[in-house]
Amino acid sequence: MVQELLNTTVQLVAVLLVALIVWLIWARKAQFRTFLGMTAPSVKSLLWVLVMSVILVPATIGVFLLGDLHAIVTAPNTVVGALRARGPSVETFAMIALVGGVKTSLTEELFFRGLLCKRLIAWLGFGVGNVIQAIVFGLAHMVIFVAAFSPAITIALFAIAAGGGWMMGFLNERVGNGSIAPGWLLHAIANLISYPVLAFLV
């Protein structure tokens, strides 16, 4: 648990440092927290998160049950595999909260929706910018699996990650007043439900 806390802190600091460097070079006139979307969201956007969770969570779990993908994501060297090896316990669920709520969801939202999406939208407009960041997000999530699966499963992996990335960009920019909080919440809910389900229930 201590090692995971250290890894999470390092990853979060690294993302914030990259964002700070980009901000110092190109956007010092804006407040750093606004530049990255670390602002208050609208209440409406949080309600949208609940609706989108009903779509994204089952779709995410479903994709990871395709073919041999479940065996690979539960292998000992994966997050889900490490959780499975530990078994359900208070410490395991604390690790799920840390990894699912901060290490993956917060750091990815800061980078993909806070840094990348906002810059792309500023340059190319919402439609094109949000699609490009969603494609990059999808590619980042499927690249490690490309060689292991059939084209159909690879496409499904890409589609669920890119679709989720697009939803999070839409929530933040079109409903959430530019805050990354709605995307972070949606991402965290998907992780916090899918990790234990994949580790212990299927």
N, C-alpha and C. Protein backbone atom coordinates (compact mmCIF):
# COMPACT_ATOMS: atom_id res chain seq x y z
N MET A 1 0.83 -1.21 0.00
CA MET A 1 0.00 0.00 0.00
C MET A 1 0.87 1.27 0.00
N VAL A 2 1.95 1.23 0.77
CA VAL A 2 2.86 2.39 0.84
C VAL A 2 3.48 2.63 -0.54
N GLN A 3 3.89 1.53 -1.21
CA GLN A 3 4.48 1.65 -2.54
C GLN A 3 3.48 2.23 -3.53
N GLU A 4 2.22 1.80 -3.43
CA GLU A 4 1.18 2.31 -4.34
C GLU A 4 0.92 3.79 -4.08
N LEU A 5 0.95 4.19 -2.83
CA LEU A 5 0.79 5.60 -2.48
C LEU A 5 1.93 6.43 -3.06
N LEU A 6 3.14 5.90 -2.97
CA LEU A 6 4.31 6.58 -3.54
C LEU A 6 4.20 6.68 -5.06
N ASN A 7 3.82 5.58 -5.71
CA ASN A 7 3.66 5.57 -7.17
C ASN A 7 2.60 6.57 -7.62
N THR A 8 1.50 6.62 -6.88
CA THR A 8 0.42 7.55 -7.21
C THR A 8 0.90 8.99 -7.08
N THR A 9 1.62 9.28 -6.01
CA THR A 9 2.12 10.64 -5.78
C THR A 9 3.09 11.05 -6.89
N VAL A 10 4.00 10.15 -7.24
CA VAL A 10 4.98 10.45 -8.30
C VAL A 10 4.26 10.71 -9.62
N GLN A 11 3.29 9.88 -9.96
CA GLN A 11 2.55 10.04 -11.22
C GLN A 11 1.79 11.35 -11.25
N LEU A 12 1.14 11.69 -10.15
CA LEU A 12 0.37 12.94 -10.07
C LEU A 12 1.29 14.15 -10.17
N VAL A 13 2.40 14.12 -9.47
CA VAL A 13 3.35 15.24 -9.52
C VAL A 13 3.94 15.37 -10.92
N ALA A 14 4.24 14.25 -11.57
CA ALA A 14 4.80 14.30 -12.93
C ALA A 14 3.83 14.95 -13.90
N VAL A 15 2.56 14.60 -13.84
CA VAL A 15 1.55 15.19 -14.73
C VAL A 15 1.42 16.68 -14.45
N LEU A 16 1.40 17.06 -13.18
CA LEU A 16 1.27 18.48 -12.83
C LEU A 16 2.50 19.27 -13.27
N LEU A 17 3.68 18.66 -13.20
CA LEU A 17 4.90 19.34 -13.65
C LEU A 17 4.88 19.57 -15.17
N VAL A 18 4.44 18.56 -15.92
CA VAL A 18 4.32 18.72 -17.37
C VAL A 18 3.34 19.85 -17.68
N ALA A 19 2.20 19.84 -16.99
CA ALA A 19 1.19 20.89 -17.21
C ALA A 19 1.75 22.26 -16.84
N LEU A 20 2.50 22.33 -15.76
CA LEU A 20 3.08 23.60 -15.33
C LEU A 20 4.08 24.14 -16.36
N ILE A 21 4.88 23.25 -16.92
CA ILE A 21 5.85 23.67 -17.95
C ILE A 21 5.13 24.20 -19.18
N VAL A 22 4.09 23.49 -19.62
CA VAL A 22 3.31 23.95 -20.77
C VAL A 22 2.68 25.31 -20.47
N TRP A 23 2.12 25.45 -19.28
CA TRP A 23 1.48 26.71 -18.87
C TRP A 23 2.51 27.86 -18.85
N LEU A 24 3.69 27.60 -18.29
CA LEU A 24 4.72 28.65 -18.20
C LEU A 24 5.18 29.10 -19.57
N ILE A 25 5.23 28.17 -20.52
CA ILE A 25 5.70 28.51 -21.86
C ILE A 25 4.64 29.22 -22.68
N TRP A 26 3.39 28.73 -22.62
CA TRP A 26 2.37 29.20 -23.55
C TRP A 26 1.18 29.95 -22.96
N ALA A 27 0.95 29.86 -21.65
CA ALA A 27 -0.34 30.39 -21.18
C ALA A 27 -0.26 31.08 -19.82
N ARG A 28 0.82 31.78 -19.55
CA ARG A 28 0.97 32.39 -18.23
C ARG A 28 -0.07 33.46 -17.91
N LYS A 29 -0.75 33.97 -18.93
CA LYS A 29 -1.76 34.99 -18.69
C LYS A 29 -3.00 34.41 -18.02
N ALA A 30 -3.23 33.12 -18.22
CA ALA A 30 -4.37 32.45 -17.59
C ALA A 30 -3.96 31.93 -16.22
N GLN A 31 -4.93 31.80 -15.31
CA GLN A 31 -4.65 31.16 -14.03
C GLN A 31 -4.35 29.68 -14.28
N PHE A 32 -3.40 29.14 -13.56
CA PHE A 32 -3.00 27.74 -13.78
C PHE A 32 -4.17 26.78 -13.55
N ARG A 33 -4.95 27.03 -12.49
CA ARG A 33 -6.05 26.11 -12.18
C ARG A 33 -7.13 26.18 -13.27
N THR A 34 -7.36 27.34 -13.85
CA THR A 34 -8.31 27.46 -14.95
C THR A 34 -7.76 26.82 -16.21
N PHE A 35 -6.48 27.02 -16.47
CA PHE A 35 -5.80 26.44 -17.61
C PHE A 35 -5.95 24.92 -17.63
N LEU A 36 -5.95 24.30 -16.45
CA LEU A 36 -6.01 22.85 -16.33
C LEU A 36 -7.41 22.33 -16.02
N GLY A 37 -8.36 23.25 -15.79
CA GLY A 37 -9.73 22.82 -15.51
C GLY A 37 -9.97 22.44 -14.06
N MET A 38 -9.13 22.92 -13.16
CA MET A 38 -9.31 22.60 -11.74
C MET A 38 -10.21 23.67 -11.10
N THR A 39 -11.44 23.69 -11.59
CA THR A 39 -12.44 24.67 -11.16
C THR A 39 -13.72 23.93 -10.78
N ALA A 40 -14.68 24.68 -10.24
CA ALA A 40 -15.93 24.07 -9.79
C ALA A 40 -16.82 23.73 -11.00
N PRO A 41 -17.41 22.53 -11.02
CA PRO A 41 -18.31 22.15 -12.11
C PRO A 41 -19.73 22.63 -11.84
N SER A 42 -20.57 22.54 -12.85
CA SER A 42 -21.99 22.82 -12.65
C SER A 42 -22.65 21.62 -11.99
N VAL A 43 -23.72 21.86 -11.25
CA VAL A 43 -24.48 20.76 -10.63
C VAL A 43 -25.06 19.87 -11.72
N LYS A 44 -25.51 20.47 -12.81
CA LYS A 44 -26.09 19.71 -13.92
C LYS A 44 -25.10 18.67 -14.45
N SER A 45 -23.83 19.03 -14.52
CA SER A 45 -22.84 18.10 -15.05
C SER A 45 -22.69 16.88 -14.16
N LEU A 46 -22.86 17.06 -12.86
CA LEU A 46 -22.73 15.92 -11.93
C LEU A 46 -23.90 14.97 -12.09
N LEU A 47 -25.06 15.49 -12.43
CA LEU A 47 -26.22 14.63 -12.72
C LEU A 47 -25.99 13.86 -14.01
N TRP A 48 -25.40 14.51 -14.99
CA TRP A 48 -25.06 13.85 -16.25
C TRP A 48 -24.07 12.70 -16.01
N VAL A 49 -23.19 12.87 -15.04
CA VAL A 49 -22.22 11.81 -14.71
C VAL A 49 -22.95 10.54 -14.33
N LEU A 50 -23.99 10.68 -13.52
CA LEU A 50 -24.74 9.49 -13.09
C LEU A 50 -25.39 8.79 -14.28
N VAL A 51 -25.94 9.57 -15.19
CA VAL A 51 -26.57 8.97 -16.38
C VAL A 51 -25.53 8.27 -17.25
N MET A 52 -24.41 8.94 -17.49
CA MET A 52 -23.38 8.35 -18.35
C MET A 52 -22.70 7.15 -17.70
N SER A 53 -22.69 7.11 -16.36
CA SER A 53 -22.13 5.95 -15.66
C SER A 53 -22.92 4.68 -15.98
N VAL A 54 -24.23 4.84 -16.14
CA VAL A 54 -25.08 3.68 -16.45
C VAL A 54 -24.72 3.10 -17.82
N ILE A 55 -24.19 3.93 -18.71
CA ILE A 55 -23.76 3.46 -20.03
C ILE A 55 -22.32 2.94 -19.98
N LEU A 56 -21.43 3.75 -19.39
CA LEU A 56 -19.99 3.47 -19.48
C LEU A 56 -19.56 2.27 -18.63
N VAL A 57 -20.08 2.14 -17.42
CA VAL A 57 -19.61 1.08 -16.52
C VAL A 57 -19.93 -0.32 -17.07
N PRO A 58 -21.18 -0.62 -17.44
CA PRO A 58 -21.44 -1.96 -17.99
C PRO A 58 -20.69 -2.22 -19.30
N ALA A 59 -20.54 -1.19 -20.12
CA ALA A 59 -19.82 -1.35 -21.39
C ALA A 59 -18.35 -1.68 -21.12
N THR A 60 -17.75 -1.01 -20.15
CA THR A 60 -16.35 -1.26 -19.81
C THR A 60 -16.16 -2.68 -19.30
N ILE A 61 -17.00 -3.09 -18.37
CA ILE A 61 -16.89 -4.45 -17.83
C ILE A 61 -17.12 -5.47 -18.94
N GLY A 62 -18.12 -5.21 -19.79
CA GLY A 62 -18.43 -6.13 -20.89
C GLY A 62 -17.26 -6.33 -21.84
N VAL A 63 -16.58 -5.25 -22.19
CA VAL A 63 -15.44 -5.36 -23.10
C VAL A 63 -14.34 -6.23 -22.50
N PHE A 64 -14.11 -6.08 -21.20
CA PHE A 64 -13.04 -6.85 -20.57
C PHE A 64 -13.42 -8.31 -20.30
N LEU A 65 -14.60 -8.70 -20.69
CA LEU A 65 -14.99 -10.11 -20.62
C LEU A 65 -14.90 -10.78 -21.99
N LEU A 66 -14.52 -10.03 -23.02
CA LEU A 66 -14.43 -10.59 -24.37
C LEU A 66 -13.22 -11.51 -24.53
N GLY A 67 -13.42 -12.63 -25.19
CA GLY A 67 -12.32 -13.53 -25.53
C GLY A 67 -11.41 -13.82 -24.35
N ASP A 68 -10.12 -13.74 -24.61
CA ASP A 68 -9.12 -14.00 -23.56
C ASP A 68 -8.72 -12.72 -22.82
N LEU A 69 -9.42 -11.63 -23.08
CA LEU A 69 -9.03 -10.35 -22.48
C LEU A 69 -9.13 -10.39 -20.96
N HIS A 70 -10.16 -11.05 -20.44
CA HIS A 70 -10.31 -11.12 -18.98
C HIS A 70 -9.10 -11.79 -18.33
N ALA A 71 -8.60 -12.85 -18.95
CA ALA A 71 -7.43 -13.54 -18.40
C ALA A 71 -6.21 -12.63 -18.39
N ILE A 72 -6.09 -11.80 -19.40
CA ILE A 72 -4.93 -10.90 -19.49
C ILE A 72 -5.04 -9.76 -18.48
N VAL A 73 -6.23 -9.18 -18.33
CA VAL A 73 -6.36 -8.06 -17.38
C VAL A 73 -6.37 -8.52 -15.94
N THR A 74 -6.51 -9.83 -15.70
CA THR A 74 -6.43 -10.33 -14.33
C THR A 74 -5.09 -11.03 -14.06
N ALA A 75 -4.15 -10.92 -15.01
CA ALA A 75 -2.81 -11.50 -14.81
C ALA A 75 -2.13 -10.81 -13.62
N PRO A 76 -1.20 -11.50 -12.96
CA PRO A 76 -0.57 -10.94 -11.75
C PRO A 76 0.10 -9.58 -11.92
N ASN A 77 0.56 -9.24 -13.14
CA ASN A 77 1.27 -7.97 -13.34
C ASN A 77 0.34 -6.81 -13.68
N THR A 78 -0.98 -6.99 -13.51
CA THR A 78 -1.95 -5.93 -13.78
C THR A 78 -2.55 -5.42 -12.48
N VAL A 79 -3.23 -4.29 -12.56
CA VAL A 79 -3.92 -3.74 -11.37
C VAL A 79 -4.95 -4.73 -10.86
N VAL A 80 -5.79 -5.22 -11.76
CA VAL A 80 -6.86 -6.15 -11.36
C VAL A 80 -6.26 -7.45 -10.82
N GLY A 81 -5.19 -7.93 -11.46
CA GLY A 81 -4.54 -9.14 -10.99
C GLY A 81 -3.96 -8.99 -9.59
N ALA A 82 -3.35 -7.84 -9.32
CA ALA A 82 -2.79 -7.58 -7.99
C ALA A 82 -3.89 -7.54 -6.94
N LEU A 83 -5.03 -6.95 -7.31
CA LEU A 83 -6.17 -6.91 -6.38
C LEU A 83 -6.69 -8.32 -6.11
N ARG A 84 -6.79 -9.11 -7.17
CA ARG A 84 -7.29 -10.48 -7.02
C ARG A 84 -6.36 -11.29 -6.12
N ALA A 85 -5.06 -11.11 -6.29
CA ALA A 85 -4.09 -11.85 -5.48
C ALA A 85 -4.19 -11.48 -4.00
N ARG A 86 -4.51 -10.22 -3.73
CA ARG A 86 -4.64 -9.77 -2.35
C ARG A 86 -5.91 -10.31 -1.69
N GLY A 87 -6.96 -10.47 -2.51
CA GLY A 87 -8.26 -10.88 -1.98
C GLY A 87 -8.98 -9.69 -1.38
N PRO A 88 -10.30 -9.82 -1.22
CA PRO A 88 -11.07 -8.70 -0.66
C PRO A 88 -10.70 -8.44 0.80
N SER A 89 -10.36 -7.20 1.10
CA SER A 89 -10.03 -6.79 2.47
C SER A 89 -10.15 -5.28 2.54
N VAL A 90 -10.06 -4.73 3.74
CA VAL A 90 -10.11 -3.28 3.90
C VAL A 90 -8.95 -2.63 3.14
N GLU A 91 -7.76 -3.22 3.25
CA GLU A 91 -6.59 -2.66 2.57
C GLU A 91 -6.74 -2.74 1.05
N THR A 92 -7.31 -3.84 0.57
CA THR A 92 -7.52 -3.98 -0.88
C THR A 92 -8.47 -2.91 -1.38
N PHE A 93 -9.56 -2.67 -0.66
CA PHE A 93 -10.51 -1.65 -1.11
C PHE A 93 -9.96 -0.24 -0.96
N ALA A 94 -9.06 -0.05 0.01
CA ALA A 94 -8.36 1.24 0.10
C ALA A 94 -7.46 1.42 -1.12
N MET A 95 -6.82 0.32 -1.56
CA MET A 95 -5.96 0.39 -2.75
C MET A 95 -6.80 0.66 -4.00
N ILE A 96 -7.98 0.05 -4.08
CA ILE A 96 -8.88 0.31 -5.21
C ILE A 96 -9.24 1.80 -5.25
N ALA A 97 -9.54 2.37 -4.07
CA ALA A 97 -9.90 3.79 -4.00
C ALA A 97 -8.73 4.66 -4.45
N LEU A 98 -7.52 4.32 -4.03
CA LEU A 98 -6.34 5.09 -4.39
C LEU A 98 -6.01 4.98 -5.88
N VAL A 99 -5.94 3.75 -6.37
CA VAL A 99 -5.57 3.53 -7.78
C VAL A 99 -6.69 3.98 -8.71
N GLY A 100 -7.92 3.56 -8.40
CA GLY A 100 -9.05 3.88 -9.28
C GLY A 100 -9.49 5.33 -9.21
N GLY A 101 -9.37 5.91 -8.00
CA GLY A 101 -9.87 7.28 -7.83
C GLY A 101 -8.85 8.37 -8.07
N VAL A 102 -7.55 8.03 -7.92
CA VAL A 102 -6.52 9.06 -8.07
C VAL A 102 -5.49 8.69 -9.12
N LYS A 103 -4.81 7.55 -8.95
CA LYS A 103 -3.68 7.22 -9.81
C LYS A 103 -4.06 7.15 -11.28
N THR A 104 -5.15 6.48 -11.58
CA THR A 104 -5.55 6.39 -13.00
C THR A 104 -6.50 7.51 -13.38
N SER A 105 -7.59 7.66 -12.65
CA SER A 105 -8.60 8.62 -13.12
C SER A 105 -8.17 10.08 -12.99
N LEU A 106 -7.64 10.50 -11.84
CA LEU A 106 -7.28 11.92 -11.70
C LEU A 106 -6.09 12.28 -12.59
N THR A 107 -5.04 11.47 -12.58
CA THR A 107 -3.88 11.83 -13.39
C THR A 107 -4.21 11.82 -14.88
N GLU A 108 -5.01 10.84 -15.32
CA GLU A 108 -5.40 10.80 -16.74
C GLU A 108 -6.30 11.96 -17.10
N GLU A 109 -7.20 12.34 -16.20
CA GLU A 109 -8.07 13.48 -16.50
C GLU A 109 -7.27 14.78 -16.56
N LEU A 110 -6.33 14.95 -15.66
CA LEU A 110 -5.49 16.15 -15.71
C LEU A 110 -4.74 16.23 -17.03
N PHE A 111 -4.21 15.08 -17.47
CA PHE A 111 -3.43 15.09 -18.71
C PHE A 111 -4.32 15.15 -19.95
N PHE A 112 -5.24 14.19 -20.09
CA PHE A 112 -6.01 14.08 -21.33
C PHE A 112 -7.08 15.15 -21.47
N ARG A 113 -7.87 15.40 -20.42
CA ARG A 113 -8.94 16.39 -20.53
C ARG A 113 -8.51 17.77 -20.07
N GLY A 114 -7.60 17.84 -19.10
CA GLY A 114 -7.15 19.15 -18.63
C GLY A 114 -6.13 19.78 -19.55
N LEU A 115 -5.08 19.04 -19.87
CA LEU A 115 -4.00 19.60 -20.69
C LEU A 115 -4.26 19.43 -22.18
N LEU A 116 -4.46 18.20 -22.63
CA LEU A 116 -4.58 17.93 -24.06
C LEU A 116 -5.89 18.43 -24.66
N CYS A 117 -7.00 18.04 -24.08
CA CYS A 117 -8.31 18.39 -24.65
C CYS A 117 -8.51 19.90 -24.72
N LYS A 118 -8.20 20.58 -23.67
CA LYS A 118 -8.41 22.03 -23.64
C LYS A 118 -7.56 22.75 -24.69
N ARG A 119 -6.32 22.29 -24.87
CA ARG A 119 -5.46 22.91 -25.89
C ARG A 119 -5.99 22.63 -27.28
N LEU A 120 -6.40 21.39 -27.53
CA LEU A 120 -6.93 21.04 -28.86
C LEU A 120 -8.20 21.80 -29.18
N ILE A 121 -9.07 21.95 -28.18
CA ILE A 121 -10.32 22.69 -28.39
C ILE A 121 -10.02 24.16 -28.65
N ALA A 122 -9.06 24.71 -27.93
CA ALA A 122 -8.68 26.12 -28.15
C ALA A 122 -8.17 26.33 -29.57
N TRP A 123 -7.44 25.36 -30.12
CA TRP A 123 -6.86 25.49 -31.46
C TRP A 123 -7.83 25.11 -32.57
N LEU A 124 -8.63 24.06 -32.34
CA LEU A 124 -9.42 23.46 -33.43
C LEU A 124 -10.93 23.51 -33.24
N GLY A 125 -11.39 24.02 -32.10
CA GLY A 125 -12.82 24.02 -31.82
C GLY A 125 -13.22 22.75 -31.08
N PHE A 126 -14.40 22.80 -30.46
CA PHE A 126 -14.81 21.68 -29.61
C PHE A 126 -14.95 20.37 -30.37
N GLY A 127 -15.65 20.39 -31.49
CA GLY A 127 -15.93 19.15 -32.21
C GLY A 127 -14.67 18.38 -32.58
N VAL A 128 -13.77 19.03 -33.27
CA VAL A 128 -12.54 18.36 -33.73
C VAL A 128 -11.60 18.10 -32.55
N GLY A 129 -11.42 19.08 -31.67
CA GLY A 129 -10.51 18.91 -30.54
C GLY A 129 -10.92 17.77 -29.63
N ASN A 130 -12.22 17.66 -29.33
CA ASN A 130 -12.67 16.60 -28.44
C ASN A 130 -12.53 15.23 -29.10
N VAL A 131 -12.78 15.15 -30.38
CA VAL A 131 -12.62 13.87 -31.09
C VAL A 131 -11.15 13.45 -31.11
N ILE A 132 -10.25 14.38 -31.36
CA ILE A 132 -8.82 14.03 -31.41
C ILE A 132 -8.33 13.54 -30.05
N GLN A 133 -8.70 14.25 -28.97
CA GLN A 133 -8.24 13.79 -27.65
C GLN A 133 -8.84 12.44 -27.31
N ALA A 134 -10.08 12.18 -27.74
CA ALA A 134 -10.71 10.88 -27.49
C ALA A 134 -9.98 9.77 -28.24
N ILE A 135 -9.56 10.06 -29.47
CA ILE A 135 -8.81 9.07 -30.26
C ILE A 135 -7.46 8.78 -29.59
N VAL A 136 -6.77 9.83 -29.15
CA VAL A 136 -5.48 9.64 -28.47
C VAL A 136 -5.67 8.83 -27.19
N PHE A 137 -6.74 9.13 -26.45
CA PHE A 137 -7.06 8.40 -25.21
C PHE A 137 -7.34 6.93 -25.53
N GLY A 138 -8.11 6.69 -26.58
CA GLY A 138 -8.41 5.32 -26.99
C GLY A 138 -7.16 4.56 -27.39
N LEU A 139 -6.30 5.20 -28.18
CA LEU A 139 -5.05 4.55 -28.61
C LEU A 139 -4.15 4.24 -27.42
N ALA A 140 -4.07 5.16 -26.47
CA ALA A 140 -3.23 4.95 -25.30
C ALA A 140 -3.70 3.76 -24.48
N HIS A 141 -5.02 3.51 -24.48
CA HIS A 141 -5.56 2.41 -23.69
C HIS A 141 -5.53 1.06 -24.40
N MET A 142 -5.40 1.07 -25.71
CA MET A 142 -5.41 -0.22 -26.42
C MET A 142 -4.04 -0.65 -26.92
N VAL A 143 -3.07 0.25 -26.92
CA VAL A 143 -1.79 -0.04 -27.57
C VAL A 143 -1.10 -1.27 -26.99
N ILE A 144 -1.23 -1.50 -25.69
CA ILE A 144 -0.55 -2.65 -25.09
C ILE A 144 -1.23 -3.97 -25.42
N PHE A 145 -2.47 -3.89 -25.95
CA PHE A 145 -3.20 -5.11 -26.25
C PHE A 145 -3.23 -5.47 -27.73
N VAL A 146 -2.73 -4.61 -28.58
CA VAL A 146 -2.89 -4.79 -30.03
C VAL A 146 -2.38 -6.14 -30.51
N ALA A 147 -1.21 -6.53 -30.05
CA ALA A 147 -0.61 -7.77 -30.54
C ALA A 147 -1.28 -9.02 -29.99
N ALA A 148 -2.06 -8.87 -28.91
CA ALA A 148 -2.58 -10.04 -28.22
C ALA A 148 -3.96 -10.48 -28.69
N PHE A 149 -4.66 -9.65 -29.44
CA PHE A 149 -6.06 -9.94 -29.72
C PHE A 149 -6.43 -9.85 -31.18
N SER A 150 -7.59 -10.37 -31.45
CA SER A 150 -8.16 -10.27 -32.78
C SER A 150 -8.49 -8.81 -33.07
N PRO A 151 -8.62 -8.46 -34.35
CA PRO A 151 -8.99 -7.08 -34.69
C PRO A 151 -10.29 -6.64 -34.02
N ALA A 152 -11.26 -7.56 -33.90
CA ALA A 152 -12.56 -7.19 -33.31
C ALA A 152 -12.40 -6.77 -31.85
N ILE A 153 -11.62 -7.51 -31.08
CA ILE A 153 -11.43 -7.17 -29.67
C ILE A 153 -10.60 -5.89 -29.53
N THR A 154 -9.61 -5.74 -30.39
CA THR A 154 -8.80 -4.52 -30.38
C THR A 154 -9.66 -3.30 -30.66
N ILE A 155 -10.54 -3.42 -31.64
CA ILE A 155 -11.45 -2.32 -31.98
C ILE A 155 -12.40 -2.03 -30.81
N ALA A 156 -12.90 -3.09 -30.16
CA ALA A 156 -13.80 -2.90 -29.02
C ALA A 156 -13.10 -2.17 -27.88
N LEU A 157 -11.85 -2.54 -27.62
CA LEU A 157 -11.06 -1.84 -26.59
C LEU A 157 -10.89 -0.36 -26.92
N PHE A 158 -10.53 -0.12 -28.18
CA PHE A 158 -10.36 1.27 -28.61
C PHE A 158 -11.68 2.03 -28.49
N ALA A 159 -12.77 1.41 -28.92
CA ALA A 159 -14.07 2.09 -28.94
C ALA A 159 -14.53 2.47 -27.53
N ILE A 160 -14.35 1.56 -26.57
CA ILE A 160 -14.83 1.87 -25.22
C ILE A 160 -13.98 2.97 -24.58
N ALA A 161 -12.66 2.92 -24.80
CA ALA A 161 -11.80 3.97 -24.23
C ALA A 161 -12.03 5.30 -24.92
N ALA A 162 -12.08 5.30 -26.26
CA ALA A 162 -12.30 6.56 -27.00
C ALA A 162 -13.68 7.11 -26.71
N GLY A 163 -14.68 6.24 -26.65
CA GLY A 163 -16.04 6.69 -26.34
C GLY A 163 -16.11 7.31 -24.95
N GLY A 164 -15.46 6.66 -23.99
CA GLY A 164 -15.42 7.23 -22.64
C GLY A 164 -14.68 8.55 -22.62
N GLY A 165 -13.57 8.63 -23.36
CA GLY A 165 -12.81 9.88 -23.44
C GLY A 165 -13.65 11.01 -24.04
N TRP A 166 -14.43 10.68 -25.09
CA TRP A 166 -15.29 11.69 -25.70
C TRP A 166 -16.35 12.16 -24.70
N MET A 167 -16.97 11.19 -24.00
CA MET A 167 -18.00 11.54 -22.99
C MET A 167 -17.42 12.48 -21.93
N MET A 168 -16.22 12.17 -21.45
CA MET A 168 -15.61 12.98 -20.40
C MET A 168 -15.27 14.39 -20.91
N GLY A 169 -14.79 14.47 -22.15
CA GLY A 169 -14.54 15.79 -22.74
C GLY A 169 -15.82 16.58 -22.89
N PHE A 170 -16.88 15.92 -23.35
CA PHE A 170 -18.19 16.58 -23.50
C PHE A 170 -18.71 17.07 -22.15
N LEU A 171 -18.66 16.19 -21.16
CA LEU A 171 -19.15 16.58 -19.83
C LEU A 171 -18.43 17.81 -19.30
N ASN A 172 -17.10 17.78 -19.41
CA ASN A 172 -16.31 18.89 -18.87
C ASN A 172 -16.57 20.20 -19.60
N GLU A 173 -16.50 20.15 -20.92
CA GLU A 173 -16.50 21.38 -21.71
C GLU A 173 -17.89 21.89 -22.07
N ARG A 174 -18.84 21.01 -22.27
CA ARG A 174 -20.17 21.44 -22.69
C ARG A 174 -21.18 21.53 -21.56
N VAL A 175 -20.93 20.83 -20.47
CA VAL A 175 -21.90 20.82 -19.36
C VAL A 175 -21.27 21.28 -18.05
N GLY A 176 -19.97 21.06 -17.89
CA GLY A 176 -19.33 21.28 -16.59
C GLY A 176 -18.59 22.58 -16.41
N ASN A 177 -18.85 23.58 -17.25
CA ASN A 177 -18.19 24.90 -17.13
C ASN A 177 -16.67 24.82 -17.27
N GLY A 178 -16.17 23.84 -18.04
CA GLY A 178 -14.73 23.72 -18.25
C GLY A 178 -13.98 23.02 -17.14
N SER A 179 -14.70 22.55 -16.12
CA SER A 179 -14.07 21.83 -15.03
C SER A 179 -13.78 20.39 -15.44
N ILE A 180 -12.65 19.84 -14.97
CA ILE A 180 -12.37 18.43 -15.24
C ILE A 180 -13.05 17.52 -14.21
N ALA A 181 -13.73 18.11 -13.23
CA ALA A 181 -14.35 17.31 -12.16
C ALA A 181 -15.38 16.30 -12.67
N PRO A 182 -16.28 16.68 -13.60
CA PRO A 182 -17.24 15.68 -14.08
C PRO A 182 -16.56 14.49 -14.75
N GLY A 183 -15.57 14.76 -15.60
CA GLY A 183 -14.84 13.68 -16.25
C GLY A 183 -14.11 12.82 -15.24
N TRP A 184 -13.50 13.46 -14.25
CA TRP A 184 -12.80 12.72 -13.19
C TRP A 184 -13.78 11.83 -12.45
N LEU A 185 -14.95 12.36 -12.11
CA LEU A 185 -15.94 11.57 -11.37
C LEU A 185 -16.42 10.38 -12.20
N LEU A 186 -16.71 10.61 -13.48
CA LEU A 186 -17.16 9.52 -14.34
C LEU A 186 -16.07 8.45 -14.48
N HIS A 187 -14.85 8.89 -14.70
CA HIS A 187 -13.70 7.99 -14.83
C HIS A 187 -13.51 7.20 -13.54
N ALA A 188 -13.57 7.88 -12.40
CA ALA A 188 -13.39 7.21 -11.11
C ALA A 188 -14.49 6.20 -10.85
N ILE A 189 -15.74 6.54 -11.14
CA ILE A 189 -16.85 5.60 -10.94
C ILE A 189 -16.62 4.34 -11.78
N ALA A 190 -16.24 4.53 -13.05
CA ALA A 190 -15.99 3.39 -13.93
C ALA A 190 -14.88 2.50 -13.35
N ASN A 191 -13.81 3.10 -12.87
CA ASN A 191 -12.71 2.32 -12.28
C ASN A 191 -13.12 1.65 -10.97
N LEU A 192 -13.76 2.41 -10.10
CA LEU A 192 -14.06 1.91 -8.76
C LEU A 192 -15.09 0.78 -8.78
N ILE A 193 -15.89 0.71 -9.85
CA ILE A 193 -16.83 -0.40 -9.97
C ILE A 193 -16.20 -1.54 -10.76
N SER A 194 -15.54 -1.22 -11.88
CA SER A 194 -15.02 -2.29 -12.73
C SER A 194 -13.87 -3.05 -12.10
N TYR A 195 -12.98 -2.39 -11.36
CA TYR A 195 -11.84 -3.09 -10.75
C TYR A 195 -12.30 -4.22 -9.83
N PRO A 196 -13.15 -3.95 -8.83
CA PRO A 196 -13.55 -5.07 -7.96
C PRO A 196 -14.42 -6.11 -8.65
N VAL A 197 -15.26 -5.68 -9.61
CA VAL A 197 -16.08 -6.64 -10.32
C VAL A 197 -15.19 -7.61 -11.10
N LEU A 198 -14.23 -7.08 -11.85
CA LEU A 198 -13.34 -7.93 -12.63
C LEU A 198 -12.41 -8.76 -11.76
N ALA A 199 -12.04 -8.22 -10.60
CA ALA A 199 -11.12 -8.94 -9.72
C ALA A 199 -11.81 -10.06 -8.93
N PHE A 200 -13.03 -9.80 -8.49
CA PHE A 200 -13.63 -10.72 -7.52
C PHE A 200 -14.96 -11.36 -7.93
N LEU A 201 -15.63 -10.80 -8.92
CA LEU A 201 -16.99 -11.28 -9.21
C LEU A 201 -17.14 -12.03 -10.53
N VAL A 202 -16.19 -11.90 -11.46
CA VAL A 202 -16.33 -12.60 -12.74
C VAL A 202 -15.08 -13.41 -13.06
